């Protein structure tokens, strides 16, 4: 059955249809929440809260074809709510790969992933949410705006600010080149 049909059945109270919708989205929601919150336990809590809100408010969804974007919005809002509640608690986590790599990870790819992880830490939750939704999830800026319930112009300015912060952090990273005896660069 297609997603629209599942949404319609779930609106009618069909728990199995909603479970199928949730099962199809939970991995992507968890990946986005982990990138925003930087804590796997908080990310699971946010995904769970987003799914609870979705079940509770499913009848309010006007367009069943927009279910995925609506579910992202609920989950991102749950992430931001949790981040506000736990602002004083600092937890550092490593990024898990979004998908399995086809070939073994090279040291440069690991270094790049680690650099992106460190640079994402520099962003606030709002900026991280926009970067994750746009670049990791692949949402167009109009959908990001709808997901976060803010104007497109605000998304663009926050994205610009986040990318500027990321560029500054990357430029500030020391680049060390190994040297060998005699002052030659290896």
N, C-alpha and C. Protein backbone atom coordinates (compact mmCIF):
# COMPACT_ATOMS: atom_id res chain seq x y z
N UNK A 1 0.85 -1.18 0.00
CA UNK A 1 0.00 0.00 0.00
C UNK A 1 0.89 1.24 0.00
N UNK A 2 0.45 2.29 -0.67
CA UNK A 2 1.23 3.51 -0.74
C UNK A 2 1.14 4.30 0.57
N UNK A 3 2.01 5.28 0.70
CA UNK A 3 2.08 6.07 1.94
C UNK A 3 0.78 6.82 2.21
N UNK A 4 0.19 7.38 1.19
CA UNK A 4 -1.06 8.12 1.37
C UNK A 4 -2.15 7.22 1.97
N UNK A 5 -2.25 6.01 1.44
CA UNK A 5 -3.24 5.06 1.95
C UNK A 5 -2.97 4.69 3.41
N UNK A 6 -1.68 4.51 3.73
CA UNK A 6 -1.32 4.20 5.12
C UNK A 6 -1.67 5.36 6.05
N UNK A 7 -1.43 6.57 5.59
CA UNK A 7 -1.76 7.75 6.41
C UNK A 7 -3.26 7.82 6.63
N UNK A 8 -4.03 7.58 5.59
CA UNK A 8 -5.49 7.62 5.72
C UNK A 8 -5.98 6.55 6.69
N UNK A 9 -5.40 5.34 6.58
CA UNK A 9 -5.79 4.27 7.51
C UNK A 9 -5.39 4.61 8.94
N UNK A 10 -4.20 5.18 9.11
CA UNK A 10 -3.74 5.56 10.45
C UNK A 10 -4.62 6.66 11.04
N UNK A 11 -5.05 7.58 10.19
CA UNK A 11 -5.98 8.64 10.66
C UNK A 11 -7.26 8.03 11.22
N UNK A 12 -7.65 6.92 10.66
CA UNK A 12 -8.86 6.23 11.12
C UNK A 12 -8.62 5.39 12.36
N UNK A 13 -7.42 5.41 12.90
CA UNK A 13 -7.13 4.69 14.12
C UNK A 13 -6.42 3.36 13.93
N UNK A 14 -5.97 3.06 12.72
CA UNK A 14 -5.30 1.80 12.44
C UNK A 14 -3.85 1.84 12.97
N UNK A 15 -3.60 1.14 14.07
CA UNK A 15 -2.28 1.13 14.69
C UNK A 15 -1.23 0.47 13.79
N UNK A 16 -1.62 -0.56 13.07
CA UNK A 16 -0.68 -1.26 12.19
C UNK A 16 -0.21 -0.36 11.05
N UNK A 17 -1.10 0.44 10.50
CA UNK A 17 -0.73 1.36 9.42
C UNK A 17 0.25 2.40 9.95
N UNK A 18 0.01 2.93 11.14
CA UNK A 18 0.92 3.91 11.71
C UNK A 18 2.27 3.26 12.03
N UNK A 19 2.25 2.03 12.53
CA UNK A 19 3.50 1.32 12.83
C UNK A 19 4.32 1.14 11.56
N UNK A 20 3.67 0.86 10.45
CA UNK A 20 4.39 0.71 9.18
C UNK A 20 4.98 2.04 8.73
N UNK A 21 4.24 3.12 8.89
CA UNK A 21 4.76 4.45 8.56
C UNK A 21 5.96 4.79 9.44
N UNK A 22 5.85 4.51 10.73
CA UNK A 22 6.93 4.81 11.67
C UNK A 22 8.16 3.97 11.35
N UNK A 23 7.96 2.69 11.06
CA UNK A 23 9.07 1.79 10.75
C UNK A 23 9.83 2.29 9.51
N UNK A 24 9.12 2.82 8.55
CA UNK A 24 9.76 3.30 7.32
C UNK A 24 10.57 4.57 7.56
N UNK A 25 10.24 5.35 8.59
CA UNK A 25 10.88 6.64 8.79
C UNK A 25 11.86 6.68 9.96
N UNK A 26 11.82 5.71 10.86
CA UNK A 26 12.53 5.82 12.12
C UNK A 26 14.05 5.94 11.95
N UNK A 27 14.65 5.26 11.01
CA UNK A 27 16.10 5.33 10.83
C UNK A 27 16.52 6.72 10.39
N UNK A 28 15.80 7.28 9.41
CA UNK A 28 16.13 8.63 8.93
C UNK A 28 15.90 9.67 10.03
N UNK A 29 14.83 9.51 10.78
CA UNK A 29 14.56 10.45 11.88
C UNK A 29 15.64 10.36 12.94
N UNK A 30 16.08 9.15 13.26
CA UNK A 30 17.13 8.97 14.26
C UNK A 30 18.44 9.59 13.80
N UNK A 31 18.79 9.42 12.53
CA UNK A 31 20.01 10.00 12.00
C UNK A 31 19.98 11.53 12.11
N UNK A 32 18.87 12.12 11.72
CA UNK A 32 18.74 13.57 11.81
C UNK A 32 18.80 14.03 13.26
N UNK A 33 18.11 13.35 14.14
CA UNK A 33 18.09 13.73 15.56
C UNK A 33 19.47 13.61 16.18
N UNK A 34 20.23 12.56 15.82
CA UNK A 34 21.58 12.40 16.36
C UNK A 34 22.48 13.55 15.91
N UNK A 35 22.34 13.95 14.66
CA UNK A 35 23.16 15.05 14.18
C UNK A 35 22.80 16.37 14.86
N UNK A 36 21.54 16.56 15.16
CA UNK A 36 21.11 17.81 15.79
C UNK A 36 21.47 17.82 17.27
N UNK A 37 21.20 16.73 17.97
CA UNK A 37 21.36 16.71 19.42
C UNK A 37 22.74 16.26 19.88
N UNK A 38 23.46 15.51 19.05
CA UNK A 38 24.80 15.06 19.38
C UNK A 38 24.82 14.05 20.53
N UNK A 39 23.70 13.39 20.80
CA UNK A 39 23.59 12.43 21.88
C UNK A 39 22.60 11.35 21.45
N UNK A 40 23.05 10.10 21.33
CA UNK A 40 22.15 9.05 20.82
C UNK A 40 20.93 8.81 21.71
N UNK A 41 21.10 8.91 23.02
CA UNK A 41 19.95 8.70 23.92
C UNK A 41 18.92 9.82 23.77
N UNK A 42 19.39 11.06 23.73
CA UNK A 42 18.46 12.17 23.52
C UNK A 42 17.81 12.07 22.15
N UNK A 43 18.57 11.62 21.16
CA UNK A 43 18.02 11.48 19.81
C UNK A 43 16.87 10.47 19.80
N UNK A 44 17.07 9.34 20.49
CA UNK A 44 15.99 8.34 20.57
C UNK A 44 14.76 8.93 21.26
N UNK A 45 15.01 9.69 22.33
CA UNK A 45 13.89 10.33 23.03
C UNK A 45 13.15 11.29 22.10
N UNK A 46 13.90 12.06 21.32
CA UNK A 46 13.28 13.03 20.41
C UNK A 46 12.48 12.32 19.32
N UNK A 47 13.01 11.24 18.78
CA UNK A 47 12.29 10.48 17.75
C UNK A 47 11.01 9.91 18.35
N UNK A 48 11.14 9.36 19.54
CA UNK A 48 9.96 8.80 20.20
C UNK A 48 8.92 9.89 20.44
N UNK A 49 9.36 11.04 20.92
CA UNK A 49 8.43 12.15 21.16
C UNK A 49 7.79 12.62 19.85
N UNK A 50 8.58 12.68 18.77
CA UNK A 50 8.04 13.06 17.48
C UNK A 50 6.98 12.08 16.98
N UNK A 51 7.23 10.79 17.18
CA UNK A 51 6.25 9.79 16.76
C UNK A 51 5.00 9.82 17.63
N UNK A 52 5.16 10.09 18.92
CA UNK A 52 3.99 10.23 19.79
C UNK A 52 3.15 11.42 19.36
N UNK A 53 3.82 12.53 19.08
CA UNK A 53 3.10 13.72 18.62
C UNK A 53 2.39 13.44 17.29
N UNK A 54 3.07 12.68 16.42
CA UNK A 54 2.47 12.36 15.12
C UNK A 54 1.21 11.53 15.31
N UNK A 55 1.25 10.51 16.16
CA UNK A 55 0.07 9.68 16.39
C UNK A 55 -1.06 10.52 16.98
N UNK A 56 -0.70 11.36 17.96
CA UNK A 56 -1.70 12.17 18.65
C UNK A 56 -2.35 13.19 17.71
N UNK A 57 -1.55 13.78 16.83
CA UNK A 57 -2.04 14.89 16.00
C UNK A 57 -2.28 14.51 14.54
N UNK A 58 -2.30 13.22 14.24
CA UNK A 58 -2.42 12.78 12.84
C UNK A 58 -3.68 13.31 12.16
N UNK A 59 -4.74 13.45 12.90
CA UNK A 59 -5.99 13.95 12.29
C UNK A 59 -5.86 15.42 11.85
N UNK A 60 -4.89 16.14 12.42
CA UNK A 60 -4.69 17.55 12.07
C UNK A 60 -3.87 17.72 10.79
N UNK A 61 -3.23 16.66 10.33
CA UNK A 61 -2.44 16.73 9.10
C UNK A 61 -3.37 16.99 7.92
N UNK A 62 -3.18 18.12 7.25
CA UNK A 62 -4.07 18.50 6.15
C UNK A 62 -3.80 17.73 4.87
N UNK A 63 -2.52 17.53 4.55
CA UNK A 63 -2.15 16.90 3.29
C UNK A 63 -1.38 15.61 3.57
N UNK A 64 -2.00 14.46 3.40
CA UNK A 64 -1.32 13.18 3.67
C UNK A 64 -0.04 12.98 2.85
N UNK A 65 0.06 13.64 1.70
CA UNK A 65 1.26 13.52 0.88
C UNK A 65 2.46 14.21 1.53
N UNK A 66 2.22 15.08 2.50
CA UNK A 66 3.29 15.81 3.19
C UNK A 66 3.64 15.15 4.53
N UNK A 67 3.26 13.89 4.69
CA UNK A 67 3.47 13.21 5.96
C UNK A 67 4.95 13.20 6.38
N UNK A 68 5.87 12.87 5.46
CA UNK A 68 7.29 12.82 5.81
C UNK A 68 7.81 14.16 6.31
N UNK A 69 7.51 15.24 5.58
CA UNK A 69 7.97 16.56 6.01
C UNK A 69 7.36 16.94 7.35
N UNK A 70 6.10 16.60 7.55
CA UNK A 70 5.42 16.88 8.81
C UNK A 70 6.07 16.10 9.95
N UNK A 71 6.40 14.85 9.70
CA UNK A 71 7.03 14.01 10.72
C UNK A 71 8.43 14.54 11.06
N UNK A 72 9.17 14.99 10.05
CA UNK A 72 10.48 15.62 10.31
C UNK A 72 10.30 16.85 11.18
N UNK A 73 9.29 17.66 10.85
CA UNK A 73 9.06 18.88 11.63
C UNK A 73 8.78 18.55 13.09
N UNK A 74 7.93 17.57 13.33
CA UNK A 74 7.62 17.18 14.70
C UNK A 74 8.87 16.68 15.42
N UNK A 75 9.70 15.90 14.74
CA UNK A 75 10.91 15.35 15.36
C UNK A 75 11.94 16.44 15.60
N UNK A 76 12.14 17.34 14.64
CA UNK A 76 13.09 18.44 14.83
C UNK A 76 12.62 19.33 15.97
N UNK A 77 11.34 19.61 16.04
CA UNK A 77 10.83 20.42 17.15
C UNK A 77 11.04 19.70 18.49
N UNK A 78 10.88 18.39 18.51
CA UNK A 78 11.16 17.62 19.73
C UNK A 78 12.64 17.71 20.08
N UNK A 79 13.51 17.68 19.07
CA UNK A 79 14.96 17.84 19.31
C UNK A 79 15.26 19.20 19.93
N UNK A 80 14.67 20.23 19.36
CA UNK A 80 14.93 21.57 19.86
C UNK A 80 14.37 21.75 21.27
N UNK A 81 13.22 21.15 21.55
CA UNK A 81 12.66 21.19 22.90
C UNK A 81 13.58 20.50 23.90
N UNK A 82 14.09 19.33 23.54
CA UNK A 82 15.01 18.61 24.44
C UNK A 82 16.32 19.38 24.63
N UNK A 83 16.80 20.00 23.56
CA UNK A 83 18.04 20.77 23.66
C UNK A 83 17.85 21.96 24.60
N UNK A 84 16.71 22.60 24.52
CA UNK A 84 16.44 23.73 25.42
C UNK A 84 16.36 23.24 26.87
N UNK A 85 15.75 22.10 27.09
CA UNK A 85 15.61 21.56 28.44
C UNK A 85 16.95 21.16 29.04
N UNK A 86 17.85 20.71 28.21
CA UNK A 86 19.12 20.18 28.71
C UNK A 86 20.31 21.00 28.25
N UNK A 87 20.11 22.28 28.08
CA UNK A 87 21.16 23.15 27.55
C UNK A 87 22.44 23.09 28.39
N UNK A 88 22.32 22.95 29.68
CA UNK A 88 23.50 22.97 30.55
C UNK A 88 24.27 21.65 30.53
N UNK A 89 23.67 20.61 30.05
CA UNK A 89 24.32 19.31 30.03
C UNK A 89 25.07 19.15 28.70
N UNK A 90 26.39 19.04 28.78
CA UNK A 90 27.22 18.93 27.59
C UNK A 90 27.59 17.46 27.38
N UNK A 91 27.24 16.95 26.21
CA UNK A 91 27.54 15.57 25.88
C UNK A 91 28.18 15.57 24.49
N UNK A 92 29.33 14.94 24.39
CA UNK A 92 30.00 14.84 23.10
C UNK A 92 29.86 13.42 22.59
N UNK A 93 29.48 13.27 21.33
CA UNK A 93 29.38 11.95 20.71
C UNK A 93 30.01 12.01 19.33
N UNK A 94 30.38 10.86 18.85
CA UNK A 94 30.90 10.78 17.49
C UNK A 94 29.75 10.56 16.53
N UNK A 95 29.92 11.08 15.32
CA UNK A 95 28.92 10.83 14.29
C UNK A 95 29.01 9.38 13.85
N UNK A 96 27.86 8.76 13.69
CA UNK A 96 27.85 7.44 13.10
C UNK A 96 27.61 7.63 11.61
N UNK A 97 28.18 6.75 10.80
CA UNK A 97 27.97 6.91 9.36
C UNK A 97 26.49 6.86 9.03
N UNK A 98 26.06 7.72 8.09
CA UNK A 98 24.67 7.74 7.68
C UNK A 98 24.30 6.48 6.90
N UNK A 99 25.26 5.89 6.25
CA UNK A 99 25.03 4.66 5.53
C UNK A 99 26.36 3.93 5.44
N UNK A 100 26.30 2.66 5.25
CA UNK A 100 27.52 1.87 5.18
C UNK A 100 28.33 2.24 3.94
N UNK A 101 29.62 2.35 4.13
CA UNK A 101 30.49 2.68 3.01
C UNK A 101 30.74 1.43 2.17
N UNK A 102 30.85 1.60 0.88
CA UNK A 102 31.07 0.47 -0.02
C UNK A 102 32.51 -0.03 0.08
N UNK A 103 33.45 0.85 0.43
CA UNK A 103 34.85 0.47 0.53
C UNK A 103 35.36 0.84 1.91
N UNK A 104 36.43 0.24 2.34
CA UNK A 104 36.95 0.56 3.67
C UNK A 104 37.25 2.04 3.81
N UNK A 105 37.04 2.54 5.00
CA UNK A 105 37.26 3.96 5.29
C UNK A 105 38.75 4.26 5.26
N UNK A 106 39.14 5.27 4.51
CA UNK A 106 40.54 5.67 4.49
C UNK A 106 40.78 6.69 5.59
N UNK A 107 42.02 6.94 5.90
CA UNK A 107 42.33 7.86 6.99
C UNK A 107 41.89 9.28 6.67
N UNK A 108 41.96 9.67 5.41
CA UNK A 108 41.54 11.04 5.06
C UNK A 108 40.03 11.20 5.19
N UNK A 109 39.27 10.16 4.81
CA UNK A 109 37.83 10.24 4.96
C UNK A 109 37.46 10.29 6.44
N UNK A 110 38.18 9.54 7.26
CA UNK A 110 37.94 9.58 8.71
C UNK A 110 38.25 10.97 9.26
N UNK A 111 39.36 11.55 8.81
CA UNK A 111 39.74 12.89 9.26
C UNK A 111 38.70 13.92 8.82
N UNK A 112 38.19 13.78 7.59
CA UNK A 112 37.16 14.70 7.11
C UNK A 112 35.89 14.58 7.93
N UNK A 113 35.49 13.35 8.23
CA UNK A 113 34.28 13.13 9.02
C UNK A 113 34.46 13.69 10.43
N UNK A 114 35.66 13.51 10.98
CA UNK A 114 35.95 14.04 12.31
C UNK A 114 35.93 15.57 12.29
N UNK A 115 36.46 16.18 11.24
CA UNK A 115 36.45 17.63 11.12
C UNK A 115 35.02 18.15 11.02
N UNK A 116 34.18 17.51 10.21
CA UNK A 116 32.78 17.92 10.10
C UNK A 116 32.08 17.79 11.45
N UNK A 117 32.38 16.71 12.16
CA UNK A 117 31.81 16.51 13.49
C UNK A 117 32.19 17.64 14.43
N UNK A 118 33.46 18.02 14.42
CA UNK A 118 33.93 19.10 15.28
C UNK A 118 33.31 20.44 14.89
N UNK A 119 33.20 20.66 13.59
CA UNK A 119 32.64 21.93 13.12
C UNK A 119 31.15 22.03 13.43
N UNK A 120 30.42 20.91 13.33
CA UNK A 120 29.00 20.92 13.67
C UNK A 120 28.78 21.28 15.14
N UNK A 121 29.77 20.93 15.99
CA UNK A 121 29.67 21.28 17.41
C UNK A 121 29.65 22.78 17.63
N UNK A 122 30.22 23.52 16.71
CA UNK A 122 30.30 24.97 16.84
C UNK A 122 28.94 25.64 16.65
N UNK A 123 28.00 24.93 16.02
CA UNK A 123 26.70 25.51 15.69
C UNK A 123 25.72 25.36 16.84
N UNK A 124 24.76 26.29 16.90
CA UNK A 124 23.66 26.13 17.85
C UNK A 124 22.67 25.13 17.27
N UNK A 125 21.69 24.74 18.07
CA UNK A 125 20.75 23.70 17.63
C UNK A 125 19.97 24.11 16.39
N UNK A 126 19.57 25.38 16.32
CA UNK A 126 18.82 25.85 15.14
C UNK A 126 19.65 25.73 13.87
N UNK A 127 20.90 26.18 13.94
CA UNK A 127 21.78 26.10 12.78
C UNK A 127 22.06 24.66 12.39
N UNK A 128 22.32 23.82 13.40
CA UNK A 128 22.57 22.41 13.15
C UNK A 128 21.36 21.75 12.50
N UNK A 129 20.15 22.10 12.98
CA UNK A 129 18.93 21.52 12.42
C UNK A 129 18.80 21.88 10.93
N UNK A 130 19.07 23.11 10.59
CA UNK A 130 18.95 23.54 9.19
C UNK A 130 20.00 22.85 8.32
N UNK A 131 21.25 22.78 8.80
CA UNK A 131 22.30 22.11 8.03
C UNK A 131 21.97 20.64 7.84
N UNK A 132 21.51 19.98 8.88
CA UNK A 132 21.18 18.55 8.79
C UNK A 132 20.02 18.33 7.82
N UNK A 133 18.95 19.10 7.96
CA UNK A 133 17.80 18.91 7.09
C UNK A 133 18.14 19.19 5.62
N UNK A 134 18.93 20.25 5.38
CA UNK A 134 19.22 20.63 4.00
C UNK A 134 20.30 19.74 3.38
N UNK A 135 21.43 19.55 4.08
CA UNK A 135 22.55 18.85 3.47
C UNK A 135 22.55 17.35 3.72
N UNK A 136 22.14 16.90 4.89
CA UNK A 136 22.17 15.46 5.18
C UNK A 136 20.90 14.76 4.71
N UNK A 137 19.75 15.38 4.95
CA UNK A 137 18.48 14.78 4.55
C UNK A 137 18.17 15.11 3.10
N UNK A 138 18.65 16.25 2.61
CA UNK A 138 18.45 16.63 1.22
C UNK A 138 17.17 17.41 0.97
N UNK A 139 16.63 18.04 2.00
CA UNK A 139 15.40 18.82 1.84
C UNK A 139 15.69 20.15 1.15
N UNK A 140 14.83 20.57 0.25
CA UNK A 140 14.95 21.92 -0.30
C UNK A 140 14.68 22.94 0.82
N UNK A 141 15.19 24.15 0.65
CA UNK A 141 15.04 25.16 1.70
C UNK A 141 13.58 25.48 2.00
N UNK A 142 12.71 25.39 1.01
CA UNK A 142 11.29 25.64 1.27
C UNK A 142 10.71 24.59 2.20
N UNK A 143 11.15 23.33 2.03
CA UNK A 143 10.68 22.27 2.92
C UNK A 143 11.30 22.40 4.32
N UNK A 144 12.56 22.84 4.37
CA UNK A 144 13.18 23.09 5.68
C UNK A 144 12.39 24.15 6.43
N UNK A 145 12.01 25.21 5.71
CA UNK A 145 11.23 26.28 6.33
C UNK A 145 9.89 25.75 6.83
N UNK A 146 9.24 24.93 6.02
CA UNK A 146 7.96 24.37 6.44
C UNK A 146 8.14 23.43 7.63
N UNK A 147 9.20 22.66 7.62
CA UNK A 147 9.47 21.72 8.71
C UNK A 147 9.71 22.46 10.02
N UNK A 148 10.47 23.54 9.97
CA UNK A 148 10.78 24.30 11.18
C UNK A 148 9.75 25.39 11.48
N UNK A 149 8.77 25.55 10.60
CA UNK A 149 7.71 26.54 10.76
C UNK A 149 8.28 27.95 10.89
N UNK A 150 9.24 28.27 10.02
CA UNK A 150 9.82 29.61 9.97
C UNK A 150 9.87 30.04 8.51
N UNK A 151 9.97 31.35 8.25
CA UNK A 151 10.01 31.82 6.87
C UNK A 151 11.27 31.34 6.12
N UNK A 152 11.16 31.22 4.81
CA UNK A 152 12.28 30.78 3.98
C UNK A 152 13.46 31.74 4.13
N UNK A 153 13.19 33.02 4.22
CA UNK A 153 14.27 33.99 4.39
C UNK A 153 15.04 33.77 5.68
N UNK A 154 14.34 33.39 6.72
CA UNK A 154 14.99 33.09 8.00
C UNK A 154 15.86 31.85 7.87
N UNK A 155 15.36 30.84 7.16
CA UNK A 155 16.16 29.64 6.92
C UNK A 155 17.43 30.01 6.16
N UNK A 156 17.28 30.82 5.12
CA UNK A 156 18.45 31.20 4.32
C UNK A 156 19.47 31.96 5.15
N UNK A 157 19.00 32.90 5.97
CA UNK A 157 19.96 33.68 6.77
C UNK A 157 20.62 32.81 7.84
N UNK A 158 19.86 31.92 8.46
CA UNK A 158 20.46 31.02 9.47
C UNK A 158 21.41 30.03 8.82
N UNK A 159 21.08 29.55 7.63
CA UNK A 159 21.97 28.65 6.91
C UNK A 159 23.26 29.38 6.55
N UNK A 160 23.13 30.60 6.07
CA UNK A 160 24.31 31.40 5.73
C UNK A 160 25.20 31.60 6.96
N UNK A 161 24.58 31.94 8.09
CA UNK A 161 25.31 32.14 9.34
C UNK A 161 25.99 30.83 9.78
N UNK A 162 25.28 29.71 9.66
CA UNK A 162 25.84 28.41 10.06
C UNK A 162 27.01 28.03 9.17
N UNK A 163 26.87 28.24 7.86
CA UNK A 163 27.96 27.89 6.94
C UNK A 163 29.17 28.79 7.15
N UNK A 164 28.92 30.06 7.45
CA UNK A 164 30.02 30.97 7.76
C UNK A 164 30.76 30.51 9.01
N UNK A 165 30.02 30.13 10.03
CA UNK A 165 30.62 29.63 11.26
C UNK A 165 31.43 28.37 10.97
N UNK A 166 30.89 27.50 10.14
CA UNK A 166 31.60 26.26 9.80
C UNK A 166 32.87 26.55 9.01
N UNK A 167 32.80 27.50 8.07
CA UNK A 167 33.99 27.85 7.28
C UNK A 167 35.08 28.44 8.17
N UNK A 168 34.68 29.29 9.10
CA UNK A 168 35.66 29.90 10.01
C UNK A 168 36.32 28.82 10.86
N UNK A 169 35.52 27.88 11.35
CA UNK A 169 36.06 26.80 12.17
C UNK A 169 37.00 25.91 11.36
N UNK A 170 36.66 25.66 10.09
CA UNK A 170 37.53 24.83 9.25
C UNK A 170 38.83 25.57 8.94
N UNK A 171 38.71 26.86 8.64
CA UNK A 171 39.91 27.65 8.34
C UNK A 171 40.82 27.75 9.56
N UNK A 172 40.24 27.71 10.75
CA UNK A 172 41.03 27.82 11.98
C UNK A 172 41.72 26.51 12.33
N UNK A 173 41.30 25.39 11.70
CA UNK A 173 41.92 24.10 11.99
C UNK A 173 43.38 24.13 11.56
N UNK A 174 44.27 23.74 12.46
CA UNK A 174 45.68 23.70 12.08
C UNK A 174 45.93 22.56 11.10
N UNK A 175 46.67 22.88 10.07
CA UNK A 175 47.04 21.85 9.11
C UNK A 175 48.51 21.59 9.31
N UNK A 176 48.82 20.40 9.72
CA UNK A 176 50.22 20.07 9.96
C UNK A 176 50.71 19.16 8.86
N UNK A 177 51.87 19.48 8.34
CA UNK A 177 52.49 18.67 7.31
C UNK A 177 53.70 18.00 7.93
N UNK A 178 53.77 16.68 7.90
CA UNK A 178 54.91 16.02 8.50
C UNK A 178 56.20 16.41 7.79
N UNK A 179 57.23 16.63 8.54
CA UNK A 179 58.51 16.99 7.94
C UNK A 179 59.53 15.92 8.26
N UNK A 180 60.58 15.89 7.46
CA UNK A 180 61.65 14.93 7.68
C UNK A 180 62.93 15.71 7.96
N UNK A 181 63.96 15.00 8.32
CA UNK A 181 65.23 15.64 8.65
C UNK A 181 65.70 16.49 7.47
N UNK A 182 66.34 17.59 7.80
CA UNK A 182 66.85 18.48 6.75
C UNK A 182 65.84 19.54 6.36
N UNK A 183 64.69 19.58 7.03
CA UNK A 183 63.70 20.63 6.78
C UNK A 183 62.85 20.39 5.56
N UNK A 184 63.01 19.23 4.90
CA UNK A 184 62.20 18.94 3.73
C UNK A 184 60.83 18.48 4.16
N UNK A 185 59.85 18.76 3.37
CA UNK A 185 58.47 18.33 3.65
C UNK A 185 58.28 16.96 3.05
N UNK A 186 57.75 16.07 3.84
CA UNK A 186 57.53 14.69 3.37
C UNK A 186 56.40 14.64 2.40
